[in-house]
Protein backbone atom coordinates (compact mmCIF):
# COMPACT_ATOMS: atom_id res chain seq x y z
CA MET A 1 23.99 -1.65 30.42
CA THR A 2 23.94 -0.99 26.83
CA VAL A 3 25.77 2.08 25.34
CA THR A 4 24.79 3.07 21.96
CA THR A 5 24.65 5.94 19.52
CA ALA A 6 22.03 7.37 17.23
CA PRO A 7 22.96 6.94 14.42
CA PRO A 8 24.40 3.51 15.27
CA ASN A 9 28.00 2.40 14.87
CA LEU A 10 29.68 5.64 16.04
CA GLN A 11 32.53 5.64 18.72
CA VAL A 12 31.84 5.76 22.34
CA VAL A 13 34.47 5.96 25.07
CA VAL A 14 33.55 3.86 28.23
CA ASN A 15 35.98 3.95 31.15
CA GLY A 16 38.63 5.37 28.90
CA SER A 17 38.35 2.68 26.20
CA THR A 18 37.18 3.80 22.57
CA LEU A 19 34.50 1.14 21.16
CA THR A 20 32.16 1.02 18.33
CA ALA A 21 28.59 1.37 19.69
CA PRO A 22 26.36 -0.49 20.43
CA GLN A 23 28.28 -2.18 23.32
CA THR A 24 26.70 -4.14 26.18
CA PHE A 25 28.34 -4.49 29.60
CA TRP A 26 27.51 -6.59 32.66
CA TRP A 27 28.26 -4.50 35.65
CA PRO A 28 27.36 -4.59 39.38
CA ALA A 29 24.45 -2.68 40.58
CA GLY A 30 25.94 0.47 42.15
CA SER A 31 29.26 0.58 40.25
CA GLY A 32 30.47 3.70 38.92
CA HIS A 33 31.67 4.23 35.24
CA THR A 34 32.40 6.95 32.78
CA VAL A 35 30.85 7.44 29.25
CA ALA A 36 31.91 9.97 26.67
CA VAL A 37 31.93 10.63 22.81
CA ALA A 38 34.30 12.37 20.57
CA SER A 39 32.50 15.20 18.39
CA PRO A 40 32.72 15.54 15.57
CA GLN A 41 33.02 12.09 14.15
CA VAL A 42 33.91 11.99 10.46
CA VAL A 43 32.97 8.93 8.31
CA GLY A 44 33.99 9.56 4.84
CA THR A 45 31.88 12.61 3.69
CA THR A 46 29.51 12.60 6.42
CA ARG A 47 30.13 14.04 9.81
CA TYR A 48 28.43 13.64 13.01
CA VAL A 49 28.21 16.21 15.77
CA TYR A 50 27.29 15.28 19.31
CA GLN A 51 24.01 16.70 20.73
CA LEU A 52 22.94 14.99 23.94
CA TRP A 53 22.96 11.83 25.91
CA SER A 54 19.77 10.13 26.50
CA ASP A 55 20.27 10.54 30.41
CA GLY A 56 20.82 14.51 30.00
CA GLY A 57 24.65 13.98 31.00
CA ALA A 58 27.33 15.92 29.64
CA GLN A 59 29.55 14.78 26.31
CA SER A 60 31.83 13.00 28.93
CA HIS A 61 30.12 12.16 32.36
CA PRO A 62 30.04 9.61 35.11
CA ILE A 63 27.26 6.96 35.50
CA THR A 64 25.98 4.80 38.23
CA VAL A 65 24.46 1.36 37.53
CA VAL A 66 21.14 1.28 39.46
CA SER A 67 19.16 -1.13 36.88
CA PRO A 68 19.55 -2.60 33.48
CA ALA A 69 19.28 0.48 30.81
CA THR A 70 20.34 1.73 27.42
CA LEU A 71 22.22 4.92 27.37
CA ARG A 72 22.18 6.46 23.91
CA ALA A 73 24.35 9.52 22.49
CA ASP A 74 22.44 11.43 20.06
CA PHE A 75 24.45 13.05 16.79
CA GLY A 76 23.31 15.57 14.24
CA THR A 77 24.37 14.72 10.79
CA GLU A 78 26.18 16.80 8.49
CA TYR A 79 27.27 16.30 4.82
CA GLU A 80 30.26 17.51 3.05
CA ILE A 81 29.25 19.82 0.17
CA VAL A 82 31.70 20.72 -2.50
CA VAL A 83 31.12 23.74 -4.89
CA THR A 84 33.49 23.79 -7.82
CA THR A 85 33.69 25.43 -11.43
CA ARG A 86 34.72 24.30 -14.80
CA PRO A 87 37.23 25.70 -15.69
CA PRO A 88 38.48 25.50 -12.12
CA GLY A 89 39.23 28.54 -9.78
CA ILE A 90 36.29 30.73 -10.66
CA ASP A 91 34.83 32.27 -7.65
CA VAL A 92 31.27 31.26 -6.40
CA ARG A 93 28.81 32.47 -3.93
CA VAL A 94 27.39 30.34 -1.04
CA ASP A 95 24.67 32.16 1.13
CA GLY A 96 25.76 35.45 -0.43
CA THR A 97 29.46 35.33 0.38
CA LEU A 98 32.19 35.04 -2.41
CA PHE A 99 34.73 31.99 -2.28
CA PRO A 100 37.28 30.65 -4.55
CA SER A 101 36.35 27.33 -5.89
CA PRO A 102 36.53 24.61 -4.97
CA TYR A 103 34.86 25.48 -1.80
CA THR A 104 33.82 22.89 0.61
CA PHE A 105 31.63 23.17 3.79
CA TRP A 106 29.78 20.84 6.22
CA CYS A 107 26.15 21.26 5.91
CA PRO A 108 23.80 20.08 8.80
CA ALA A 109 20.99 17.49 7.27
CA GLY A 110 17.82 19.30 6.00
CA THR A 111 19.17 22.68 5.97
CA THR A 112 19.15 24.96 2.80
CA HIS A 113 21.90 27.09 1.40
CA THR A 114 21.99 29.25 -1.75
CA ILE A 115 24.75 28.57 -4.43
CA ASP A 116 25.33 31.17 -7.03
CA ALA A 117 27.72 31.46 -10.10
CA PRO A 118 28.40 35.34 -10.53
CA ASN A 119 28.19 36.42 -13.93
CA PRO A 120 29.63 37.87 -16.25
CA LEU A 121 33.07 37.93 -15.22
CA THR A 122 35.34 40.20 -17.40
CA LEU A 123 39.11 40.27 -17.26
CA PRO A 124 41.28 41.98 -19.57
CA ASP A 125 40.75 40.20 -23.24
CA THR A 126 38.60 37.41 -21.41
CA ARG A 127 35.13 36.99 -20.81
CA ILE A 128 33.75 34.26 -18.74
CA THR A 129 29.77 33.49 -18.79
CA PHE A 130 27.80 31.17 -16.59
CA LEU A 131 26.32 28.20 -18.69
CA PHE A 132 24.86 25.58 -16.19
CA TRP A 133 25.12 23.86 -12.84
CA SER A 134 25.58 20.18 -12.71
CA ASP A 135 22.33 19.58 -10.65
CA GLY A 136 20.34 21.75 -13.41
CA GLY A 137 19.50 24.58 -10.93
CA ALA A 138 19.28 28.27 -12.05
CA GLN A 139 22.41 30.49 -11.78
CA SER A 140 21.40 31.22 -8.25
CA HIS A 141 19.36 28.58 -6.37
CA PRO A 142 18.81 27.00 -3.17
CA VAL A 143 20.19 23.51 -2.31
CA THR A 144 18.83 21.13 0.36
CA CYS A 145 21.44 19.04 2.22
CA THR A 146 20.32 15.44 2.13
CA ALA A 147 23.51 13.77 1.31
CA PRO A 148 27.17 14.59 0.53
CA ARG A 149 27.28 16.33 -3.04
CA THR A 150 29.42 18.26 -5.54
CA TYR A 151 27.98 21.05 -7.48
CA GLU A 152 29.76 22.17 -10.38
CA ALA A 153 29.05 25.25 -12.26
CA THR A 154 30.11 25.34 -15.92
CA PHE A 155 31.31 28.54 -17.72
CA LEU A 156 32.12 29.56 -21.30
CA VAL A 157 35.24 31.19 -21.53
CA GLU A 158 35.79 33.66 -24.43
CA TYR A 159 39.10 35.19 -25.49
CA LEU A 160 39.38 38.73 -27.23
CA ILE A 161 41.20 38.11 -30.50
CA THR A 162 42.41 40.97 -32.76
CA LEU A 163 43.64 40.07 -36.36
CA ALA A 164 45.90 42.66 -37.56
CA THR A 165 47.75 43.09 -40.70
CA THR A 166 50.95 44.93 -41.99
CA PRO A 167 49.92 47.37 -43.62
CA PRO A 168 46.89 47.83 -41.46
CA GLY A 169 43.51 48.13 -43.33
CA LEU A 170 43.74 45.12 -45.42
CA ASN A 171 40.79 42.88 -46.10
CA VAL A 172 40.63 39.58 -44.32
CA THR A 173 38.30 36.62 -44.07
CA VAL A 174 37.03 35.40 -40.56
CA ASP A 175 35.05 32.16 -40.53
CA GLY A 176 34.14 33.02 -44.18
CA ALA A 177 33.00 36.58 -43.40
CA PRO A 178 34.99 39.44 -44.90
CA ALA A 179 36.60 42.08 -42.47
CA THR A 180 39.07 44.86 -42.56
CA ALA A 181 41.90 44.60 -40.37
CA PRO A 182 42.42 45.13 -37.48
CA ALA A 183 39.46 42.98 -36.81
CA THR A 184 38.51 42.33 -33.31
CA PHE A 185 36.01 39.29 -32.36
């Protein structure tokens, strides 16, 4: 009896022992055993979620050996997706919901999500404007999960500066251009 997983090399529990699949056993006909898998199983930035056994059994279930066979546990693949900003800490939207960055989520392989960098953000004396995404996508655009990935939105941060003089109303030069104080830029 061979106990395996799809994709291969994930963990299986056979008769209470955790092993890396595939594993082959020589068991007598008619003997009973238990097979199980943990879910999810995380390998780096990829996560595998149990879907079904090839014999239709539950995630953990007994089996009886009746003939040579291969028993396979099928898993769905999910990838770690990180949505972050430069400078850090600016809110982003994923599928229409606002999250503080960096925001991390598990994305089932082949699914599509929309990432968005809200613009412009205006705080007292500060203006934050979206410039570009690391993948070259538009300010709001779909991404398809095919591998672990980090998407970074870069923003331009501008500060309101007021140049004042004492007494007020004196002439000043800002970047080579004449202005009268108080001058705001």
